């Protein structure tokens, strides 16, 4: 029967399924790579933001102490 012969309908269908599996696997690999790149970028951006917040908190503390000193001197 043409269904079960080598190169028949079943073989053709299996080949098509295998090709689709390979394409999907390739897509998954590309998406995983993009996710890793995005995560790396976000971690770098978060680190920069975290450093900036720490600097701003230090500046806030300094300004608060300076304003407190002004109030004491002008009090």
N, C-alpha and C. Protein backbone atom coordinates (compact mmCIF):
# COMPACT_ATOMS: atom_id res chain seq x y z
N UNK A 1 0.83 -1.20 0.00
CA UNK A 1 0.00 0.00 0.00
C UNK A 1 0.87 1.25 0.00
N UNK A 2 0.39 2.31 -0.56
CA UNK A 2 1.18 3.53 -0.65
C UNK A 2 1.34 4.24 0.70
N UNK A 3 0.50 3.87 1.66
CA UNK A 3 0.61 4.50 2.98
C UNK A 3 1.85 4.03 3.73
N UNK A 4 2.13 2.76 3.64
CA UNK A 4 3.20 2.17 4.45
C UNK A 4 4.50 1.97 3.69
N UNK A 5 4.51 2.15 2.41
CA UNK A 5 5.74 1.99 1.63
C UNK A 5 6.73 3.09 1.96
N UNK A 6 8.00 2.78 1.72
CA UNK A 6 9.03 3.79 1.91
C UNK A 6 8.72 4.97 0.99
N UNK A 7 8.67 6.15 1.56
CA UNK A 7 8.32 7.32 0.78
C UNK A 7 6.83 7.49 0.60
N UNK A 8 6.06 6.65 1.27
CA UNK A 8 4.61 6.73 1.17
C UNK A 8 4.04 7.87 2.00
N UNK A 9 2.74 7.84 2.15
CA UNK A 9 2.03 8.92 2.83
C UNK A 9 2.47 9.07 4.29
N UNK A 10 2.67 7.93 4.97
CA UNK A 10 3.07 8.01 6.39
C UNK A 10 4.48 8.57 6.52
N UNK A 11 5.41 8.10 5.68
CA UNK A 11 6.77 8.63 5.71
C UNK A 11 6.78 10.13 5.41
N UNK A 12 6.00 10.52 4.43
CA UNK A 12 5.94 11.95 4.09
C UNK A 12 5.40 12.76 5.26
N UNK A 13 4.38 12.22 5.89
CA UNK A 13 3.79 12.92 7.05
C UNK A 13 4.80 13.01 8.19
N UNK A 14 5.52 11.90 8.44
CA UNK A 14 6.54 11.91 9.50
C UNK A 14 7.64 12.92 9.18
N UNK A 15 8.06 12.98 7.93
CA UNK A 15 9.09 13.95 7.53
C UNK A 15 8.61 15.37 7.77
N UNK A 16 7.35 15.62 7.43
CA UNK A 16 6.79 16.96 7.65
C UNK A 16 6.74 17.31 9.13
N UNK A 17 6.36 16.34 9.95
CA UNK A 17 6.30 16.56 11.40
C UNK A 17 7.69 16.80 11.95
N UNK A 18 8.68 16.00 11.50
CA UNK A 18 10.06 16.19 11.97
C UNK A 18 10.59 17.56 11.59
N UNK A 19 10.29 18.00 10.37
CA UNK A 19 10.75 19.32 9.93
C UNK A 19 10.11 20.41 10.79
N UNK A 20 8.85 20.24 11.09
CA UNK A 20 8.17 21.23 11.93
C UNK A 20 8.75 21.25 13.34
N UNK A 21 9.06 20.07 13.88
CA UNK A 21 9.68 19.99 15.21
C UNK A 21 11.02 20.72 15.22
N UNK A 22 11.81 20.54 14.14
CA UNK A 22 13.11 21.23 14.06
C UNK A 22 12.91 22.75 14.01
N UNK A 23 11.94 23.20 13.23
CA UNK A 23 11.68 24.64 13.14
C UNK A 23 11.24 25.19 14.49
N UNK A 24 10.37 24.46 15.17
CA UNK A 24 9.91 24.91 16.49
C UNK A 24 11.07 24.92 17.47
N UNK A 25 11.93 23.89 17.41
CA UNK A 25 13.12 23.85 18.27
C UNK A 25 14.02 25.04 18.02
N UNK A 26 14.22 25.38 16.75
CA UNK A 26 15.04 26.55 16.40
C UNK A 26 14.41 27.83 16.93
N UNK A 27 13.09 27.94 16.81
CA UNK A 27 12.40 29.13 17.33
C UNK A 27 12.57 29.23 18.84
N UNK A 28 12.47 28.11 19.53
CA UNK A 28 12.64 28.10 20.98
C UNK A 28 14.04 28.56 21.35
N UNK A 29 15.05 28.06 20.64
CA UNK A 29 16.43 28.47 20.92
C UNK A 29 16.61 29.97 20.71
N UNK A 30 16.05 30.50 19.64
CA UNK A 30 16.17 31.94 19.39
C UNK A 30 15.46 32.75 20.47
N UNK A 31 14.28 32.29 20.88
CA UNK A 31 13.55 33.00 21.94
C UNK A 31 14.29 32.93 23.27
N UNK A 32 14.87 31.78 23.59
CA UNK A 32 15.64 31.65 24.82
C UNK A 32 16.84 32.60 24.81
N UNK A 33 17.51 32.68 23.65
CA UNK A 33 18.65 33.60 23.53
C UNK A 33 18.19 35.04 23.74
N UNK A 34 17.08 35.41 23.11
CA UNK A 34 16.57 36.78 23.27
C UNK A 34 16.18 37.06 24.72
N UNK A 35 15.59 36.07 25.39
CA UNK A 35 15.21 36.25 26.79
C UNK A 35 16.45 36.44 27.66
N UNK A 36 17.51 35.67 27.39
CA UNK A 36 18.75 35.83 28.15
C UNK A 36 19.34 37.22 27.94
N UNK A 37 19.33 37.68 26.70
CA UNK A 37 19.85 39.02 26.41
C UNK A 37 19.02 40.09 27.10
N UNK A 38 17.71 39.93 27.09
CA UNK A 38 16.82 40.89 27.74
C UNK A 38 17.04 40.88 29.25
N UNK A 39 17.18 39.69 29.83
CA UNK A 39 17.43 39.60 31.27
C UNK A 39 18.75 40.27 31.64
N UNK A 40 19.79 40.04 30.85
CA UNK A 40 21.08 40.67 31.10
C UNK A 40 20.95 42.19 31.05
N UNK A 41 20.24 42.69 30.04
CA UNK A 41 20.05 44.14 29.91
C UNK A 41 19.27 44.70 31.10
N UNK A 42 18.20 44.02 31.50
CA UNK A 42 17.41 44.48 32.64
C UNK A 42 18.22 44.46 33.93
N UNK A 43 19.04 43.43 34.13
CA UNK A 43 19.86 43.37 35.34
C UNK A 43 20.87 44.51 35.37
N UNK A 44 21.45 44.82 34.22
CA UNK A 44 22.40 45.93 34.13
C UNK A 44 21.69 47.25 34.41
N UNK A 45 20.52 47.44 33.82
CA UNK A 45 19.75 48.66 34.05
C UNK A 45 19.32 48.77 35.51
N UNK A 46 18.91 47.65 36.11
CA UNK A 46 18.50 47.68 37.50
C UNK A 46 19.68 48.03 38.39
N UNK A 47 20.85 47.48 38.10
CA UNK A 47 22.05 47.81 38.87
C UNK A 47 22.36 49.30 38.81
N UNK A 48 22.27 49.87 37.62
CA UNK A 48 22.51 51.31 37.47
C UNK A 48 21.47 52.11 38.23
N UNK A 49 20.21 51.70 38.15
CA UNK A 49 19.14 52.40 38.85
C UNK A 49 19.33 52.29 40.36
N UNK A 50 19.71 51.11 40.84
CA UNK A 50 19.92 50.89 42.26
C UNK A 50 21.05 51.78 42.78
N UNK A 51 22.12 51.90 42.01
CA UNK A 51 23.23 52.78 42.39
C UNK A 51 22.77 54.24 42.45
N UNK A 52 21.97 54.64 41.47
CA UNK A 52 21.47 56.01 41.44
C UNK A 52 20.58 56.29 42.65
N UNK A 53 19.72 55.35 43.00
CA UNK A 53 18.84 55.52 44.17
C UNK A 53 19.69 55.67 45.43
N UNK A 54 20.74 54.86 45.56
CA UNK A 54 21.62 54.97 46.72
C UNK A 54 22.29 56.34 46.78
N UNK A 55 22.75 56.84 45.64
CA UNK A 55 23.35 58.17 45.59
C UNK A 55 22.33 59.24 45.98
N UNK A 56 21.12 59.11 45.48
CA UNK A 56 20.09 60.09 45.81
C UNK A 56 19.72 60.05 47.29
N UNK A 57 19.73 58.87 47.88
CA UNK A 57 19.46 58.76 49.31
C UNK A 57 20.57 59.42 50.12
N UNK A 58 21.81 59.24 49.69
CA UNK A 58 22.93 59.91 50.36
C UNK A 58 22.80 61.42 50.24
N UNK A 59 22.45 61.90 49.05
CA UNK A 59 22.27 63.33 48.85
C UNK A 59 21.13 63.85 49.71
N UNK A 60 20.06 63.08 49.79
CA UNK A 60 18.92 63.47 50.61
C UNK A 60 19.33 63.60 52.08
N UNK A 61 20.08 62.64 52.57
CA UNK A 61 20.55 62.69 53.95
C UNK A 61 21.44 63.89 54.19
N UNK A 62 22.33 64.16 53.25
CA UNK A 62 23.23 65.31 53.38
C UNK A 62 22.44 66.62 53.40
N UNK A 63 21.50 66.75 52.47
CA UNK A 63 20.70 67.98 52.42
C UNK A 63 19.85 68.14 53.67
N UNK A 64 19.30 67.05 54.18
CA UNK A 64 18.50 67.13 55.41
C UNK A 64 19.36 67.60 56.58
N UNK A 65 20.59 67.09 56.66
CA UNK A 65 21.46 67.53 57.76
C UNK A 65 21.87 68.99 57.59
N UNK A 66 22.10 69.43 56.37
CA UNK A 66 22.45 70.82 56.13
C UNK A 66 21.29 71.75 56.47
N UNK A 67 20.09 71.35 56.08
CA UNK A 67 18.92 72.16 56.42
C UNK A 67 18.68 72.18 57.93
N UNK A 68 18.92 71.06 58.58
CA UNK A 68 18.80 71.00 60.03
C UNK A 68 19.80 71.93 60.69
N UNK A 69 21.02 71.98 60.17
CA UNK A 69 22.05 72.87 60.73
C UNK A 69 21.66 74.32 60.50
N UNK A 70 21.07 74.64 59.36
CA UNK A 70 20.63 76.01 59.10
C UNK A 70 19.54 76.42 60.09
N UNK A 71 18.62 75.52 60.36
CA UNK A 71 17.54 75.82 61.30
C UNK A 71 18.08 76.05 62.70
N UNK A 72 19.08 75.27 63.09
CA UNK A 72 19.67 75.45 64.42
C UNK A 72 20.38 76.80 64.49
N UNK A 73 21.14 77.13 63.45
CA UNK A 73 21.90 78.39 63.45
C UNK A 73 20.98 79.61 63.35
N UNK A 74 19.87 79.47 62.67
CA UNK A 74 18.95 80.60 62.51
C UNK A 74 17.83 80.58 63.53
N UNK A 75 17.77 79.52 64.33
CA UNK A 75 16.69 79.29 65.27
C UNK A 75 16.53 80.32 66.26
